[in-house]
Amino acid sequence: MTSRTWTFTGRILGVGTTSGVRLVVGVWDTSPLGSFADVMVERADGHRVLLAPSREVADFVTGTYSFDETRIEPVEVDLAAGSPGPTDGPPATFCVATPSLTLAATLGRRTALGWLLRGIPRRVAASPLLSTVTDPVARVVLRGVRTRGSAGQGRREFYGATDLRTVTAVTARLDGVDLGTLTPVDPPARFGFSSTPRRPALTEVVTTIVER
């Protein structure tokens, strides 16, 4: 039976806030849908919102993850002017702007796990086989994180992390309401089989989705 494979290369920002809102920002440099960014929001009451830049992106994401509400709106992501790249050097600011959300996250330096991940060749890190092997370890070491699982509609999804930086501070407003300051992503966000690490972080990742 023929299978189809989609590969997404980019980074995922995961943060919690003192308001109870948890946010997961995906920035995809390469994908079958082109370059884009999207935001998954879970409010303190459990209501899950997808902010997607197009109907095409929204249809694909909602076919893979679960939401209570979808908003189609521009999603802009950038580093503050003059800041270093997202994986090297001193702290940088990771900014997100949509009609519903503004967010600025201060990034720390690469973690020890990030240095370890950087030592793995990218083609190896992106392998579904490695994701299968590392899944039991990820469940223990990174609470809420899995590196493989069901993506719905007969799909299987595999995460291959290639770098990891901490987030040291965040400011954000959703629908005009201040979300407070940075907290762990706790409880884990409930969009699909996996969440981001409990410790707020920016993870570089290669995501592979296989449909059989």
C-alpha atoms as a PDB file:
ATOM      1  CA  MET A   1       0.000   0.000   0.000  1.00  0.00           C
ATOM      2  CA  THR A   2       1.417   3.405  -1.017  1.00  0.00           C
ATOM      3  CA  SER A   3       2.095   5.917   1.762  1.00  0.00           C
ATOM      4  CA  ARG A   4       2.435   9.684   1.617  1.00  0.00           C
ATOM      5  CA  THR A   5       4.988  11.640   3.623  1.00  0.00           C
ATOM      6  CA  TRP A   6       5.038  15.315   4.584  1.00  0.00           C
ATOM      7  CA  THR A   7       8.144  16.934   6.104  1.00  0.00           C
ATOM      8  CA  PHE A   8       8.120  20.233   8.024  1.00  0.00           C
ATOM      9  CA  THR A   9      11.390  21.917   9.053  1.00  0.00           C
ATOM     10  CA  GLY A  10      11.413  24.828  11.483  1.00  0.00           C
ATOM     11  CA  ARG A  11      11.063  25.615  15.165  1.00  0.00           C
ATOM     12  CA  ILE A  12       8.459  25.426  17.909  1.00  0.00           C
ATOM     13  CA  LEU A  13       8.120  27.933  20.753  1.00  0.00           C
ATOM     14  CA  GLY A  14       6.211  26.707  23.808  1.00  0.00           C
ATOM     15  CA  VAL A  15       5.407  28.942  26.787  1.00  0.00           C
ATOM     16  CA  GLY A  16       3.023  29.113  29.738  1.00  0.00           C
ATOM     17  CA  THR A  17       1.724  32.295  31.348  1.00  0.00           C
ATOM     18  CA  THR A  18       0.461  33.236  34.806  1.00  0.00           C
ATOM     19  CA  SER A  19      -3.025  33.740  33.311  1.00  0.00           C
ATOM     20  CA  GLY A  20      -3.153  30.001  32.679  1.00  0.00           C
ATOM     21  CA  VAL A  21      -2.942  30.443  28.901  1.00  0.00           C
ATOM     22  CA  ARG A  22      -0.399  28.180  27.167  1.00  0.00           C
ATOM     23  CA  LEU A  23       0.880  29.012  23.702  1.00  0.00           C
ATOM     24  CA  VAL A  24       2.650  26.936  21.060  1.00  0.00           C
ATOM     25  CA  VAL A  25       4.035  28.793  18.036  1.00  0.00           C
ATOM     26  CA  GLY A  26       5.151  26.829  14.986  1.00  0.00           C
ATOM     27  CA  VAL A  27       7.443  28.545  12.482  1.00  0.00           C
ATOM     28  CA  TRP A  28       7.986  26.407   9.403  1.00  0.00           C
ATOM     29  CA  ASP A  29      10.775  27.382   7.010  1.00  0.00           C
ATOM     30  CA  THR A  30      10.037  24.524   4.612  1.00  0.00           C
ATOM     31  CA  SER A  31       6.880  22.437   4.282  1.00  0.00           C
ATOM     32  CA  PRO A  32       4.484  21.090   1.637  1.00  0.00           C
ATOM     33  CA  LEU A  33       2.413  24.218   2.368  1.00  0.00           C
ATOM     34  CA  GLY A  34       5.350  26.582   1.897  1.00  0.00           C
ATOM     35  CA  SER A  35       6.833  28.810   4.586  1.00  0.00           C
ATOM     36  CA  PHE A  36       4.341  29.811   7.285  1.00  0.00           C
ATOM     37  CA  ALA A  37       3.724  30.268  11.012  1.00  0.00           C
ATOM     38  CA  ASP A  38       0.751  29.258  13.139  1.00  0.00           C
ATOM     39  CA  VAL A  39      -0.193  29.539  16.812  1.00  0.00           C
ATOM     40  CA  MET A  40      -1.970  27.039  19.041  1.00  0.00           C
ATOM     41  CA  VAL A  41      -3.555  28.561  22.147  1.00  0.00           C
ATOM     42  CA  GLU A  42      -5.100  26.793  25.131  1.00  0.00           C
ATOM     43  CA  ARG A  43      -6.873  29.037  27.595  1.00  0.00           C
ATOM     44  CA  ALA A  44      -7.075  28.365  31.333  1.00  0.00           C
ATOM     45  CA  ASP A  45     -10.597  26.968  30.861  1.00  0.00           C
ATOM     46  CA  GLY A  46      -9.324  24.420  28.309  1.00  0.00           C
ATOM     47  CA  HIS A  47     -10.681  26.194  25.213  1.00  0.00           C
ATOM     48  CA  ARG A  48      -8.259  25.534  22.336  1.00  0.00           C
ATOM     49  CA  VAL A  49      -7.783  28.055  19.530  1.00  0.00           C
ATOM     50  CA  LEU A  50      -5.814  27.772  16.284  1.00  0.00           C
ATOM     51  CA  LEU A  51      -4.494  30.944  14.654  1.00  0.00           C
ATOM     52  CA  ALA A  52      -3.655  30.046  11.045  1.00  0.00           C
ATOM     53  CA  PRO A  53      -2.595  32.277   8.126  1.00  0.00           C
ATOM     54  CA  SER A  54      -4.747  30.540   5.486  1.00  0.00           C
ATOM     55  CA  ARG A  55      -7.615  28.085   5.080  1.00  0.00           C
ATOM     56  CA  GLU A  56      -5.179  25.581   3.527  1.00  0.00           C
ATOM     57  CA  VAL A  57      -2.952  25.660   6.624  1.00  0.00           C
ATOM     58  CA  ALA A  58      -5.957  25.547   8.946  1.00  0.00           C
ATOM     59  CA  ASP A  59      -7.424  22.501   7.184  1.00  0.00           C
ATOM     60  CA  PHE A  60      -4.141  20.605   7.409  1.00  0.00           C
ATOM     61  CA  VAL A  61      -3.483  21.489  11.057  1.00  0.00           C
ATOM     62  CA  THR A  62      -7.039  20.757  12.213  1.00  0.00           C
ATOM     63  CA  GLY A  63      -6.817  17.419  10.405  1.00  0.00           C
ATOM     64  CA  THR A  64      -3.854  16.584  12.635  1.00  0.00           C
ATOM     65  CA  TYR A  65      -4.627  18.320  15.952  1.00  0.00           C
ATOM     66  CA  SER A  66      -7.777  19.139  17.958  1.00  0.00           C
ATOM     67  CA  PHE A  67      -9.241  22.631  18.485  1.00  0.00           C
ATOM     68  CA  ASP A  68     -12.461  24.213  19.664  1.00  0.00           C
ATOM     69  CA  GLU A  69     -12.048  27.317  17.501  1.00  0.00           C
ATOM     70  CA  THR A  70     -10.113  28.291  14.368  1.00  0.00           C
ATOM     71  CA  ARG A  71      -9.237  31.838  13.336  1.00  0.00           C
ATOM     72  CA  ILE A  72      -7.836  32.633   9.886  1.00  0.00           C
ATOM     73  CA  GLU A  73      -5.566  35.660  10.239  1.00  0.00           C
ATOM     74  CA  PRO A  74      -2.033  36.801   9.341  1.00  0.00           C
ATOM     75  CA  VAL A  75       0.671  35.377  11.628  1.00  0.00           C
ATOM     76  CA  GLU A  76       3.975  37.267  11.609  1.00  0.00           C
ATOM     77  CA  VAL A  77       7.042  35.983  13.467  1.00  0.00           C
ATOM     78  CA  ASP A  78      10.389  37.735  13.726  1.00  0.00           C
ATOM     79  CA  LEU A  79      13.460  38.315  15.858  1.00  0.00           C
ATOM     80  CA  ALA A  80      13.939  41.797  17.275  1.00  0.00           C
ATOM     81  CA  ALA A  81      16.138  43.986  15.064  1.00  0.00           C
ATOM     82  CA  GLY A  82      19.806  43.540  15.835  1.00  0.00           C
ATOM     83  CA  SER A  83      19.307  40.332  17.785  1.00  0.00           C
ATOM     84  CA  PRO A  84      21.379  37.227  17.023  1.00  0.00           C
ATOM     85  CA  GLY A  85      19.964  34.178  15.272  1.00  0.00           C
ATOM     86  CA  PRO A  86      17.591  31.896  17.181  1.00  0.00           C
ATOM     87  CA  THR A  87      20.186  29.286  18.131  1.00  0.00           C
ATOM     88  CA  ASP A  88      23.449  31.106  18.855  1.00  0.00           C
ATOM     89  CA  GLY A  89      24.857  33.995  20.832  1.00  0.00           C
ATOM     90  CA  PRO A  90      23.385  36.053  23.672  1.00  0.00           C
ATOM     91  CA  PRO A  91      19.651  36.389  24.384  1.00  0.00           C
ATOM     92  CA  ALA A  92      17.353  37.343  21.505  1.00  0.00           C
ATOM     93  CA  THR A  93      13.678  38.280  21.342  1.00  0.00           C
ATOM     94  CA  PHE A  94      11.207  36.100  19.448  1.00  0.00           C
ATOM     95  CA  CYS A  95       8.181  38.169  18.424  1.00  0.00           C
ATOM     96  CA  VAL A  96       4.741  37.088  17.215  1.00  0.00           C
ATOM     97  CA  ALA A  97       2.007  39.374  15.892  1.00  0.00           C
ATOM     98  CA  THR A  98      -1.520  38.527  14.733  1.00  0.00           C
ATOM     99  CA  PRO A  99      -4.799  40.477  14.974  1.00  0.00           C
ATOM    100  CA  SER A 100      -5.623  38.359  18.061  1.00  0.00           C
ATOM    101  CA  LEU A 101      -2.195  37.966  19.676  1.00  0.00           C
ATOM    102  CA  THR A 102       1.023  39.827  20.367  1.00  0.00           C
ATOM    103  CA  LEU A 103       3.880  37.978  22.034  1.00  0.00           C
ATOM    104  CA  ALA A 104       7.533  38.707  22.778  1.00  0.00           C
ATOM    105  CA  ALA A 105       9.682  35.941  24.243  1.00  0.00           C
ATOM    106  CA  THR A 106      13.230  36.451  25.488  1.00  0.00           C
ATOM    107  CA  LEU A 107      15.448  33.521  24.524  1.00  0.00           C
ATOM    108  CA  GLY A 108      18.286  32.204  26.682  1.00  0.00           C
ATOM    109  CA  ARG A 109      21.310  30.285  25.511  1.00  0.00           C
ATOM    110  CA  ARG A 110      21.346  26.751  24.181  1.00  0.00           C
ATOM    111  CA  THR A 111      20.763  24.091  26.851  1.00  0.00           C
ATOM    112  CA  ALA A 112      22.976  21.067  27.511  1.00  0.00           C
ATOM    113  CA  LEU A 113      20.403  18.940  25.668  1.00  0.00           C
ATOM    114  CA  GLY A 114      20.515  21.441  22.833  1.00  0.00           C
ATOM    115  CA  TRP A 115      24.276  20.980  22.509  1.00  0.00           C
ATOM    116  CA  LEU A 116      23.768  17.212  22.477  1.00  0.00           C
ATOM    117  CA  LEU A 117      21.110  17.465  19.760  1.00  0.00           C
ATOM    118  CA  ARG A 118      23.355  19.715  17.668  1.00  0.00           C
ATOM    119  CA  GLY A 119      25.913  16.902  17.587  1.00  0.00           C
ATOM    120  CA  ILE A 120      23.497  14.534  15.832  1.00  0.00           C
ATOM    121  CA  PRO A 121      23.557  14.774  12.010  1.00  0.00           C
ATOM    122  CA  ARG A 122      20.304  16.394  10.838  1.00  0.00           C
ATOM    123  CA  ARG A 123      19.368  13.522   8.515  1.00  0.00           C
ATOM    124  CA  VAL A 124      19.724  11.126  11.459  1.00  0.00           C
ATOM    125  CA  ALA A 125      17.809  13.382  13.867  1.00  0.00           C
ATOM    126  CA  ALA A 126      14.971  13.646  11.331  1.00  0.00           C
ATOM    127  CA  SER A 127      14.672   9.875  10.904  1.00  0.00           C
ATOM    128  CA  PRO A 128      11.337   8.362  12.058  1.00  0.00           C
ATOM    129  CA  LEU A 129      13.386   5.396  13.272  1.00  0.00           C
ATOM    130  CA  LEU A 130      15.318   7.587  15.721  1.00  0.00           C
ATOM    131  CA  SER A 131      12.061   9.208  16.879  1.00  0.00           C
ATOM    132  CA  THR A 132      10.721   5.734  17.639  1.00  0.00           C
ATOM    133  CA  VAL A 133      13.814   4.860  19.667  1.00  0.00           C
ATOM    134  CA  THR A 134      13.897   8.141  21.621  1.00  0.00           C
ATOM    135  CA  ASP A 135      10.168   8.290  22.437  1.00  0.00           C
ATOM    136  CA  PRO A 136      10.392   6.318  25.734  1.00  0.00           C
ATOM    137  CA  VAL A 137      13.289   8.533  26.874  1.00  0.00           C
ATOM    138  CA  ALA A 138      11.502  11.782  25.940  1.00  0.00           C
ATOM    139  CA  ARG A 139       8.443  10.779  27.989  1.00  0.00           C
ATOM    140  CA  VAL A 140      10.619  10.529  31.114  1.00  0.00           C
ATOM    141  CA  VAL A 141      13.109  13.356  30.574  1.00  0.00           C
ATOM    142  CA  LEU A 142      10.721  15.952  29.076  1.00  0.00           C
ATOM    143  CA  ARG A 143       7.339  15.768  30.773  1.00  0.00           C
ATOM    144  CA  GLY A 144       4.470  16.010  28.258  1.00  0.00           C
ATOM    145  CA  VAL A 145       6.711  15.366  25.250  1.00  0.00           C
ATOM    146  CA  ARG A 146       6.511  12.422  22.881  1.00  0.00           C
ATOM    147  CA  THR A 147       8.479  12.020  19.668  1.00  0.00           C
ATOM    148  CA  ARG A 148       6.009   9.789  17.838  1.00  0.00           C
ATOM    149  CA  GLY A 149       2.281   9.131  17.864  1.00  0.00           C
ATOM    150  CA  SER A 150      -1.012   9.181  15.998  1.00  0.00           C
ATOM    151  CA  ALA A 151      -1.800  12.368  14.074  1.00  0.00           C
ATOM    152  CA  GLY A 152      -5.353  11.326  13.197  1.00  0.00           C
ATOM    153  CA  GLN A 153      -6.890  10.275   9.881  1.00  0.00           C
ATOM    154  CA  GLY A 154      -4.537   7.315   9.592  1.00  0.00           C
ATOM    155  CA  ARG A 155      -1.459   9.513   9.983  1.00  0.00           C
ATOM    156  CA  ARG A 156       1.619   8.911  12.135  1.00  0.00           C
ATOM    157  CA  GLU A 157       3.772  11.833  13.264  1.00  0.00           C
ATOM    158  CA  PHE A 158       7.460  11.844  14.201  1.00  0.00           C
ATOM    159  CA  TYR A 159       9.421  14.691  15.843  1.00  0.00           C
ATOM    160  CA  GLY A 160      13.179  15.004  15.404  1.00  0.00           C
ATOM    161  CA  ALA A 161      14.629  17.796  17.567  1.00  0.00           C
ATOM    162  CA  THR A 162      17.910  19.356  16.422  1.00  0.00           C
ATOM    163  CA  ASP A 163      18.399  22.160  18.966  1.00  0.00           C
ATOM    164  CA  LEU A 164      16.898  23.565  22.175  1.00  0.00           C
ATOM    165  CA  ARG A 165      17.015  26.999  23.832  1.00  0.00           C
ATOM    166  CA  THR A 166      15.298  28.138  27.004  1.00  0.00           C
ATOM    167  CA  VAL A 167      12.803  30.991  27.182  1.00  0.00           C
ATOM    168  CA  THR A 168      13.572  33.315  30.094  1.00  0.00           C
ATOM    169  CA  ALA A 169      10.715  35.839  29.883  1.00  0.00           C
ATOM    170  CA  VAL A 170       7.530  36.526  27.953  1.00  0.00           C
ATOM    171  CA  THR A 171       4.992  39.303  27.483  1.00  0.00           C
ATOM    172  CA  ALA A 172       1.760  38.610  25.605  1.00  0.00           C
ATOM    173  CA  ARG A 173      -1.745  39.921  24.992  1.00  0.00           C
ATOM    174  CA  LEU A 174      -4.610  37.813  23.612  1.00  0.00           C
ATOM    175  CA  ASP A 175      -7.760  39.598  22.429  1.00  0.00           C
ATOM    176  CA  GLY A 176      -6.486  42.704  24.201  1.00  0.00           C
ATOM    177  CA  VAL A 177      -5.998  40.981  27.567  1.00  0.00           C
ATOM    178  CA  ASP A 178      -2.575  40.814  29.230  1.00  0.00           C
ATOM    179  CA  LEU A 179      -1.564  37.189  29.827  1.00  0.00           C
ATOM    180  CA  GLY A 180       0.874  37.885  32.652  1.00  0.00           C
ATOM    181  CA  THR A 181       4.411  36.606  33.025  1.00  0.00           C
ATOM    182  CA  LEU A 182       6.234  33.411  32.127  1.00  0.00           C
ATOM    183  CA  THR A 183       5.408  30.088  33.809  1.00  0.00           C
ATOM    184  CA  PRO A 184       6.014  26.408  32.979  1.00  0.00           C
ATOM    185  CA  VAL A 185       3.755  24.847  30.342  1.00  0.00           C
ATOM    186  CA  ASP A 186       1.661  23.136  33.011  1.00  0.00           C
ATOM    187  CA  PRO A 187      -0.669  21.409  32.584  1.00  0.00           C
ATOM    188  CA  PRO A 188       0.576  20.234  29.179  1.00  0.00           C
ATOM    189  CA  ALA A 189      -1.312  21.701  26.217  1.00  0.00           C
ATOM    190  CA  ARG A 190      -3.882  19.290  24.735  1.00  0.00           C
ATOM    191  CA  PHE A 191      -3.743  19.706  20.984  1.00  0.00           C
ATOM    192  CA  GLY A 192      -2.517  16.244  20.043  1.00  0.00           C
ATOM    193  CA  PHE A 193      -0.473  13.285  21.264  1.00  0.00           C
ATOM    194  CA  SER A 194       2.485  15.479  22.294  1.00  0.00           C
ATOM    195  CA  SER A 195       3.064  18.803  24.015  1.00  0.00           C
ATOM    196  CA  THR A 196       6.079  21.103  24.277  1.00  0.00           C
ATOM    197  CA  PRO A 197       8.550  20.681  27.173  1.00  0.00           C
ATOM    198  CA  ARG A 198       7.259  21.799  30.585  1.00  0.00           C
ATOM    199  CA  ARG A 199      10.164  24.245  30.758  1.00  0.00           C
ATOM    200  CA  PRO A 200       9.431  27.075  28.270  1.00  0.00           C
ATOM    201  CA  ALA A 201      11.673  26.571  25.257  1.00  0.00           C
ATOM    202  CA  LEU A 202      12.371  27.130  21.585  1.00  0.00           C
ATOM    203  CA  THR A 203      13.004  23.799  19.866  1.00  0.00           C
ATOM    204  CA  GLU A 204      14.373  23.397  16.355  1.00  0.00           C
ATOM    205  CA  VAL A 205      12.650  20.408  14.834  1.00  0.00           C
ATOM    206  CA  VAL A 206      12.015  18.309  11.769  1.00  0.00           C
ATOM    207  CA  THR A 207       8.477  16.932  11.798  1.00  0.00           C
ATOM    208  CA  THR A 208       7.554  14.015   9.560  1.00  0.00           C
ATOM    209  CA  ILE A 209       3.923  13.004   8.997  1.00  0.00           C
ATOM    210  CA  VAL A 210       3.258   9.683   7.292  1.00  0.00           C
ATOM    211  CA  GLU A 211      -0.145   8.702   5.910  1.00  0.00           C
ATOM    212  CA  ARG A 212      -0.615   5.046   5.035  1.00  0.00           C
END
